[in-house]
Amino acid sequence: MTADQIKSLIAAGLVCQHLELEGDGRHWYATVVSAEFEGKRAIARHQRVYATLGTKMQTDEVHALSMKTFTPAEWSAQAS
C-alpha cells in the first residue's frame, strides 16, 4: 500500500485535525491528531487508528505502523 492509500483509510474512518504518514512501504510512522482521542489512553487511541485499517494489518498489506497520537490540545501544547 502507498502512503496516500493508508492516509485515506485513516482519514475515512477517523476525523483528523492533522495526519502525517511516512514510511518505506513496509514500516510506517504516523502522527494522528483527533478530538476522538479525548479521554482515551494511548492503547485505546492506537486501537482506534488500527480499526480504520480493518484487515489490512492482519493480511500484511500494512506490515507495521508506529504512531504518535494527540488530542488537538496536546498537539497545540507540544508545538509551542
N, C-alpha and C. Protein backbone atom coordinates (compact mmCIF):
# COMPACT_ATOMS: atom_id res chain seq x y z
N MET A 1 0.84 -1.19 0.00
CA MET A 1 0.00 0.00 0.00
C MET A 1 0.89 1.25 0.00
N THR A 2 0.35 2.30 -0.55
CA THR A 2 1.08 3.56 -0.58
C THR A 2 0.70 4.41 0.63
N ALA A 3 1.50 5.43 0.88
CA ALA A 3 1.21 6.35 1.98
C ALA A 3 -0.14 7.02 1.77
N ASP A 4 -0.44 7.42 0.54
CA ASP A 4 -1.72 8.07 0.26
C ASP A 4 -2.90 7.14 0.53
N GLN A 5 -2.76 5.87 0.19
CA GLN A 5 -3.84 4.91 0.44
C GLN A 5 -4.07 4.73 1.93
N ILE A 6 -3.00 4.61 2.70
CA ILE A 6 -3.13 4.44 4.15
C ILE A 6 -3.73 5.69 4.77
N LYS A 7 -3.25 6.86 4.38
CA LYS A 7 -3.80 8.11 4.89
C LYS A 7 -5.28 8.22 4.58
N SER A 8 -5.67 7.83 3.39
CA SER A 8 -7.09 7.88 3.01
C SER A 8 -7.94 6.97 3.89
N LEU A 9 -7.44 5.78 4.17
CA LEU A 9 -8.17 4.85 5.04
C LEU A 9 -8.34 5.42 6.45
N ILE A 10 -7.25 5.96 6.99
CA ILE A 10 -7.32 6.53 8.34
C ILE A 10 -8.29 7.71 8.35
N ALA A 11 -8.15 8.61 7.40
CA ALA A 11 -9.00 9.81 7.35
C ALA A 11 -10.47 9.46 7.11
N ALA A 12 -10.73 8.38 6.39
CA ALA A 12 -12.12 7.98 6.13
C ALA A 12 -12.78 7.43 7.39
N GLY A 13 -12.00 6.86 8.29
CA GLY A 13 -12.57 6.24 9.48
C GLY A 13 -12.40 7.03 10.76
N LEU A 14 -11.68 8.15 10.69
CA LEU A 14 -11.38 8.92 11.89
C LEU A 14 -11.23 10.38 11.50
N VAL A 15 -12.00 11.25 12.15
CA VAL A 15 -11.88 12.67 11.85
C VAL A 15 -10.56 13.16 12.44
N CYS A 16 -9.66 13.60 11.56
CA CYS A 16 -8.32 14.01 11.97
C CYS A 16 -8.15 15.51 11.74
N GLN A 17 -7.61 16.18 12.75
CA GLN A 17 -7.25 17.58 12.57
C GLN A 17 -5.88 17.69 11.90
N HIS A 18 -5.08 16.64 12.05
CA HIS A 18 -3.74 16.59 11.45
C HIS A 18 -3.39 15.12 11.25
N LEU A 19 -2.78 14.82 10.11
CA LEU A 19 -2.40 13.43 9.81
C LEU A 19 -1.15 13.45 8.94
N GLU A 20 -0.08 12.89 9.47
CA GLU A 20 1.18 12.74 8.73
C GLU A 20 1.50 11.26 8.66
N LEU A 21 2.09 10.84 7.55
CA LEU A 21 2.48 9.44 7.41
C LEU A 21 3.76 9.37 6.59
N GLU A 22 4.73 8.65 7.12
CA GLU A 22 5.99 8.43 6.43
C GLU A 22 6.29 6.95 6.50
N GLY A 23 7.09 6.47 5.57
CA GLY A 23 7.47 5.07 5.63
C GLY A 23 8.17 4.62 4.38
N ASP A 24 8.53 3.34 4.40
CA ASP A 24 9.30 2.76 3.30
C ASP A 24 8.51 1.74 2.50
N GLY A 25 7.21 1.69 2.72
CA GLY A 25 6.38 0.72 2.01
C GLY A 25 6.04 -0.50 2.86
N ARG A 26 6.77 -0.72 3.92
CA ARG A 26 6.51 -1.83 4.86
C ARG A 26 6.34 -1.30 6.28
N HIS A 27 7.19 -0.38 6.67
CA HIS A 27 7.18 0.18 8.02
C HIS A 27 6.74 1.63 7.93
N TRP A 28 5.65 1.94 8.64
CA TRP A 28 5.03 3.25 8.55
C TRP A 28 5.07 3.94 9.91
N TYR A 29 5.14 5.26 9.86
CA TYR A 29 5.19 6.10 11.06
C TYR A 29 4.16 7.21 10.89
N ALA A 30 3.18 7.23 11.79
CA ALA A 30 2.08 8.18 11.66
C ALA A 30 2.02 9.12 12.86
N THR A 31 1.61 10.34 12.58
CA THR A 31 1.23 11.29 13.61
C THR A 31 -0.23 11.62 13.35
N VAL A 32 -1.06 11.34 14.34
CA VAL A 32 -2.50 11.50 14.17
C VAL A 32 -3.04 12.39 15.28
N VAL A 33 -3.75 13.44 14.89
CA VAL A 33 -4.37 14.36 15.85
C VAL A 33 -5.88 14.29 15.63
N SER A 34 -6.61 13.92 16.69
CA SER A 34 -8.06 13.79 16.57
C SER A 34 -8.74 14.11 17.90
N ALA A 35 -9.85 14.80 17.82
CA ALA A 35 -10.65 15.08 19.01
C ALA A 35 -11.23 13.79 19.59
N GLU A 36 -11.34 12.75 18.77
CA GLU A 36 -11.86 11.46 19.26
C GLU A 36 -10.95 10.83 20.31
N PHE A 37 -9.73 11.32 20.43
CA PHE A 37 -8.79 10.76 21.41
C PHE A 37 -8.98 11.34 22.81
N GLU A 38 -9.83 12.36 22.95
CA GLU A 38 -10.07 12.97 24.25
C GLU A 38 -10.47 11.91 25.27
N GLY A 39 -9.78 11.89 26.41
CA GLY A 39 -10.11 10.98 27.49
C GLY A 39 -9.67 9.54 27.28
N LYS A 40 -8.97 9.26 26.19
CA LYS A 40 -8.53 7.88 25.92
C LYS A 40 -7.04 7.73 26.20
N ARG A 41 -6.67 6.57 26.69
CA ARG A 41 -5.27 6.25 26.91
C ARG A 41 -4.63 5.89 25.57
N ALA A 42 -3.31 5.85 25.55
CA ALA A 42 -2.57 5.61 24.30
C ALA A 42 -3.00 4.33 23.61
N ILE A 43 -3.20 3.26 24.34
CA ILE A 43 -3.56 1.98 23.71
C ILE A 43 -4.92 2.08 23.02
N ALA A 44 -5.87 2.77 23.63
CA ALA A 44 -7.19 2.93 23.02
C ALA A 44 -7.11 3.81 21.78
N ARG A 45 -6.25 4.80 21.82
CA ARG A 45 -6.06 5.66 20.65
C ARG A 45 -5.48 4.85 19.49
N HIS A 46 -4.47 4.06 19.79
CA HIS A 46 -3.84 3.24 18.75
C HIS A 46 -4.83 2.22 18.18
N GLN A 47 -5.61 1.60 19.05
CA GLN A 47 -6.61 0.65 18.59
C GLN A 47 -7.63 1.33 17.68
N ARG A 48 -7.95 2.58 17.98
CA ARG A 48 -8.90 3.32 17.15
C ARG A 48 -8.32 3.55 15.75
N VAL A 49 -7.04 3.88 15.67
CA VAL A 49 -6.40 4.07 14.36
C VAL A 49 -6.31 2.73 13.64
N TYR A 50 -5.90 1.68 14.33
CA TYR A 50 -5.83 0.35 13.70
C TYR A 50 -7.19 -0.07 13.15
N ALA A 51 -8.26 0.29 13.84
CA ALA A 51 -9.60 -0.08 13.39
C ALA A 51 -9.92 0.53 12.02
N THR A 52 -9.35 1.69 11.72
CA THR A 52 -9.61 2.32 10.42
C THR A 52 -8.97 1.52 9.28
N LEU A 53 -7.96 0.73 9.61
CA LEU A 53 -7.27 -0.05 8.58
C LEU A 53 -7.90 -1.42 8.37
N GLY A 54 -8.85 -1.77 9.23
CA GLY A 54 -9.56 -3.04 9.08
C GLY A 54 -8.61 -4.22 9.02
N THR A 55 -8.79 -5.07 8.04
CA THR A 55 -7.99 -6.29 7.93
C THR A 55 -6.63 -6.06 7.28
N LYS A 56 -6.36 -4.84 6.88
CA LYS A 56 -5.09 -4.54 6.19
C LYS A 56 -3.88 -4.88 7.08
N MET A 57 -4.02 -4.73 8.40
CA MET A 57 -2.93 -5.08 9.32
C MET A 57 -2.81 -6.61 9.44
N GLN A 58 -3.92 -7.29 9.44
CA GLN A 58 -3.91 -8.74 9.62
C GLN A 58 -3.44 -9.48 8.38
N THR A 59 -3.68 -8.90 7.21
CA THR A 59 -3.30 -9.56 5.96
C THR A 59 -1.93 -9.11 5.48
N ASP A 60 -1.24 -8.30 6.27
CA ASP A 60 0.11 -7.83 5.99
C ASP A 60 0.18 -6.81 4.85
N GLU A 61 -0.97 -6.26 4.44
CA GLU A 61 -0.93 -5.17 3.47
C GLU A 61 -0.25 -3.95 4.10
N VAL A 62 -0.47 -3.80 5.41
CA VAL A 62 0.25 -2.82 6.21
C VAL A 62 1.03 -3.64 7.23
N HIS A 63 2.33 -3.75 7.00
CA HIS A 63 3.15 -4.64 7.84
C HIS A 63 3.33 -4.08 9.25
N ALA A 64 3.72 -2.83 9.35
CA ALA A 64 3.97 -2.24 10.67
C ALA A 64 3.58 -0.77 10.65
N LEU A 65 2.93 -0.34 11.72
CA LEU A 65 2.53 1.06 11.85
C LEU A 65 2.85 1.52 13.26
N SER A 66 3.81 2.41 13.38
CA SER A 66 4.11 3.07 14.65
C SER A 66 3.41 4.41 14.61
N MET A 67 2.96 4.87 15.75
CA MET A 67 2.24 6.13 15.71
C MET A 67 2.38 6.93 16.99
N LYS A 68 2.20 8.22 16.80
CA LYS A 68 2.06 9.17 17.90
C LYS A 68 0.66 9.73 17.74
N THR A 69 -0.10 9.72 18.82
CA THR A 69 -1.48 10.18 18.77
C THR A 69 -1.67 11.32 19.77
N PHE A 70 -2.37 12.35 19.33
CA PHE A 70 -2.58 13.53 20.15
C PHE A 70 -4.02 14.01 20.04
N THR A 71 -4.51 14.63 21.11
CA THR A 71 -5.74 15.41 21.01
C THR A 71 -5.33 16.75 20.41
N PRO A 72 -6.27 17.54 19.92
CA PRO A 72 -5.90 18.87 19.40
C PRO A 72 -5.19 19.73 20.44
N ALA A 73 -5.62 19.67 21.70
CA ALA A 73 -4.97 20.46 22.75
C ALA A 73 -3.54 19.99 23.01
N GLU A 74 -3.33 18.68 23.03
CA GLU A 74 -1.98 18.14 23.21
C GLU A 74 -1.08 18.53 22.05
N TRP A 75 -1.63 18.49 20.84
CA TRP A 75 -0.87 18.86 19.66
C TRP A 75 -0.44 20.32 19.70
N SER A 76 -1.37 21.18 20.09
CA SER A 76 -1.06 22.61 20.21
C SER A 76 0.00 22.86 21.28
N ALA A 77 -0.12 22.16 22.41
CA ALA A 77 0.82 22.34 23.51
C ALA A 77 2.22 21.88 23.13
N GLN A 78 2.33 20.77 22.43
CA GLN A 78 3.67 20.26 22.09
C GLN A 78 4.30 21.04 20.96
N ALA A 79 3.47 21.74 20.17
CA ALA A 79 4.00 22.54 19.06
C ALA A 79 4.60 23.86 19.55
N SER A 80 4.17 24.29 20.75
CA SER A 80 4.68 25.57 21.25
C SER A 80 5.80 25.42 22.24
